[in-house]
Amino acid sequence: MKSQDPLVFVGSLSYAANLEDKEAGRTVDPGNQVGVNLSSILAVSPETSLGFGVELSFSNETDVDGQEIAGSDGLSGVLELGLGTVLTPSTLLSITAGMGFTEDAPDFRLGFSLPIRF
């Protein structure tokens, strides 16, 4: 995280190791996933912020009994826009909308979160 008031830059890297499993007498290895997320958050008032970001993730090919399944790998890219607003001193409402820009990404996604500090 890097701050340049009223702007904050956020980035993250992720790695998911999917374990292989036996299914109907076959060994299935779904492949691992690597991701990166870069975004910025702009404070437009003391209570409200706007967010802009991009999320990319790559999935390896799936193996069945040691054979790679062609076309089972993927690259997912999503452009996200968000709005956050303080409802009470301990509650924030965050709404995000995402639009996929790669073939393997969802066309559209919508997220709501309501973090509450106790």
Protein backbone atom coordinates (compact mmCIF):
# COMPACT_ATOMS: atom_id res chain seq x y z
CA MET A 1 0.00 0.00 0.00
CA LYS A 2 1.23 3.49 -0.86
CA SER A 3 -0.56 6.70 0.09
CA GLN A 4 -0.53 10.07 -1.68
CA ASP A 5 -3.41 11.93 -0.05
CA PRO A 6 -6.22 11.78 -1.15
CA LEU A 7 -5.13 8.74 -3.24
CA VAL A 8 -4.11 5.27 -2.04
CA PHE A 9 -2.50 2.60 -4.24
CA VAL A 10 -3.09 -1.06 -3.33
CA GLY A 11 -1.61 -4.18 -4.85
CA SER A 12 -1.67 -7.88 -4.07
CA LEU A 13 -0.30 -11.16 -5.40
CA SER A 14 -1.99 -14.51 -4.85
CA TYR A 15 -1.23 -18.17 -5.41
CA ALA A 16 -3.68 -21.05 -5.01
CA ALA A 17 -2.37 -24.61 -4.94
CA ASN A 18 -5.19 -26.96 -5.96
CA LEU A 19 -4.61 -30.50 -4.73
CA GLU A 20 -5.17 -33.53 -6.94
CA ASP A 21 -7.92 -36.00 -6.09
CA LYS A 22 -9.13 -39.40 -7.22
CA GLU A 23 -12.50 -39.26 -8.92
CA ALA A 24 -14.19 -42.34 -10.43
CA GLY A 25 -10.86 -44.21 -10.45
CA ARG A 26 -9.02 -41.37 -12.16
CA THR A 27 -6.51 -38.92 -10.73
CA VAL A 28 -7.57 -35.32 -11.39
CA ASP A 29 -5.18 -32.40 -10.82
CA PRO A 30 -7.06 -29.12 -11.45
CA GLY A 31 -3.86 -27.05 -11.73
CA ASN A 32 -2.68 -24.08 -9.71
CA GLN A 33 -3.68 -20.44 -10.01
CA VAL A 34 -1.62 -17.21 -9.85
CA GLY A 35 -3.20 -13.78 -9.56
CA VAL A 36 -2.40 -10.08 -9.28
CA ASN A 37 -4.65 -7.19 -8.26
CA LEU A 38 -3.75 -3.51 -8.68
CA SER A 39 -6.10 -0.74 -7.64
CA SER A 40 -6.32 2.83 -6.41
CA ILE A 41 -8.77 4.43 -4.01
CA LEU A 42 -9.63 8.13 -4.19
CA ALA A 43 -11.15 9.92 -1.19
CA VAL A 44 -13.78 12.28 -2.62
CA SER A 45 -14.97 13.41 0.83
CA PRO A 46 -14.23 12.41 4.45
CA GLU A 47 -17.03 9.79 4.22
CA THR A 48 -16.91 8.63 0.59
CA SER A 49 -14.30 7.04 -1.68
CA LEU A 50 -14.12 5.78 -5.26
CA GLY A 51 -12.05 2.78 -6.30
CA PHE A 52 -10.59 1.72 -9.63
CA GLY A 53 -8.70 -1.50 -10.25
CA VAL A 54 -7.72 -4.43 -12.43
CA GLU A 55 -7.57 -8.09 -11.42
CA LEU A 56 -5.71 -10.72 -13.47
CA SER A 57 -5.43 -14.44 -12.76
CA PHE A 58 -3.91 -17.36 -14.65
CA SER A 59 -4.93 -21.01 -14.16
CA ASN A 60 -2.74 -23.94 -15.22
CA GLU A 61 -4.11 -26.78 -17.34
CA THR A 62 -6.01 -29.60 -15.66
CA ASP A 63 -4.35 -33.04 -15.68
CA VAL A 64 -6.35 -36.28 -15.73
CA ASP A 65 -4.22 -39.38 -15.13
CA GLY A 66 -1.11 -37.37 -16.09
CA GLN A 67 -2.58 -36.13 -19.40
CA GLU A 68 -3.09 -32.40 -19.83
CA ILE A 69 -6.56 -31.40 -20.99
CA ALA A 70 -6.08 -28.99 -23.89
CA GLY A 71 -7.83 -25.65 -23.41
CA SER A 72 -8.35 -26.10 -19.67
CA ASP A 73 -5.93 -23.31 -18.76
CA GLY A 74 -7.21 -19.77 -18.63
CA LEU A 75 -6.52 -16.08 -18.19
CA SER A 76 -9.14 -14.01 -16.43
CA GLY A 77 -9.05 -10.19 -16.43
CA VAL A 78 -11.60 -7.98 -14.69
CA LEU A 79 -11.83 -4.17 -14.52
CA GLU A 80 -13.40 -3.08 -11.22
CA LEU A 81 -15.07 0.17 -10.16
CA GLY A 82 -16.18 0.73 -6.59
CA LEU A 83 -17.82 3.10 -4.16
CA GLY A 84 -17.35 3.14 -0.39
CA THR A 85 -19.25 5.23 2.09
CA VAL A 86 -19.22 5.46 5.89
CA LEU A 87 -22.70 4.76 7.30
CA THR A 88 -21.78 5.04 11.00
CA PRO A 89 -18.43 5.48 12.80
CA SER A 90 -18.13 1.66 12.88
CA THR A 91 -19.83 0.67 9.58
CA LEU A 92 -18.80 1.01 5.94
CA LEU A 93 -20.85 0.15 2.86
CA SER A 94 -18.79 -0.92 -0.16
CA ILE A 95 -20.25 -1.61 -3.61
CA THR A 96 -18.10 -2.89 -6.50
CA ALA A 97 -18.91 -3.66 -10.12
CA GLY A 98 -16.59 -5.60 -12.38
CA MET A 99 -16.50 -6.11 -16.14
CA GLY A 100 -14.49 -8.93 -17.69
CA PHE A 101 -12.15 -8.08 -20.54
CA THR A 102 -10.81 -11.57 -21.32
CA GLU A 103 -12.61 -14.61 -22.70
CA ASP A 104 -12.31 -16.59 -19.44
CA ALA A 105 -13.53 -13.77 -17.18
CA PRO A 106 -17.14 -13.26 -16.09
CA ASP A 107 -18.95 -10.70 -18.25
CA PHE A 108 -20.19 -8.78 -15.19
CA ARG A 109 -20.04 -9.12 -11.43
CA LEU A 110 -21.48 -7.08 -8.61
CA GLY A 111 -20.34 -7.12 -4.99
CA PHE A 112 -21.66 -5.65 -1.76
CA SER A 113 -19.87 -5.68 1.57
CA LEU A 114 -20.75 -4.22 4.96
CA PRO A 115 -17.71 -4.34 7.27
CA ILE A 116 -18.65 -3.64 10.89
CA ARG A 117 -16.06 -2.81 13.57
CA PHE A 118 -16.99 -4.05 17.04
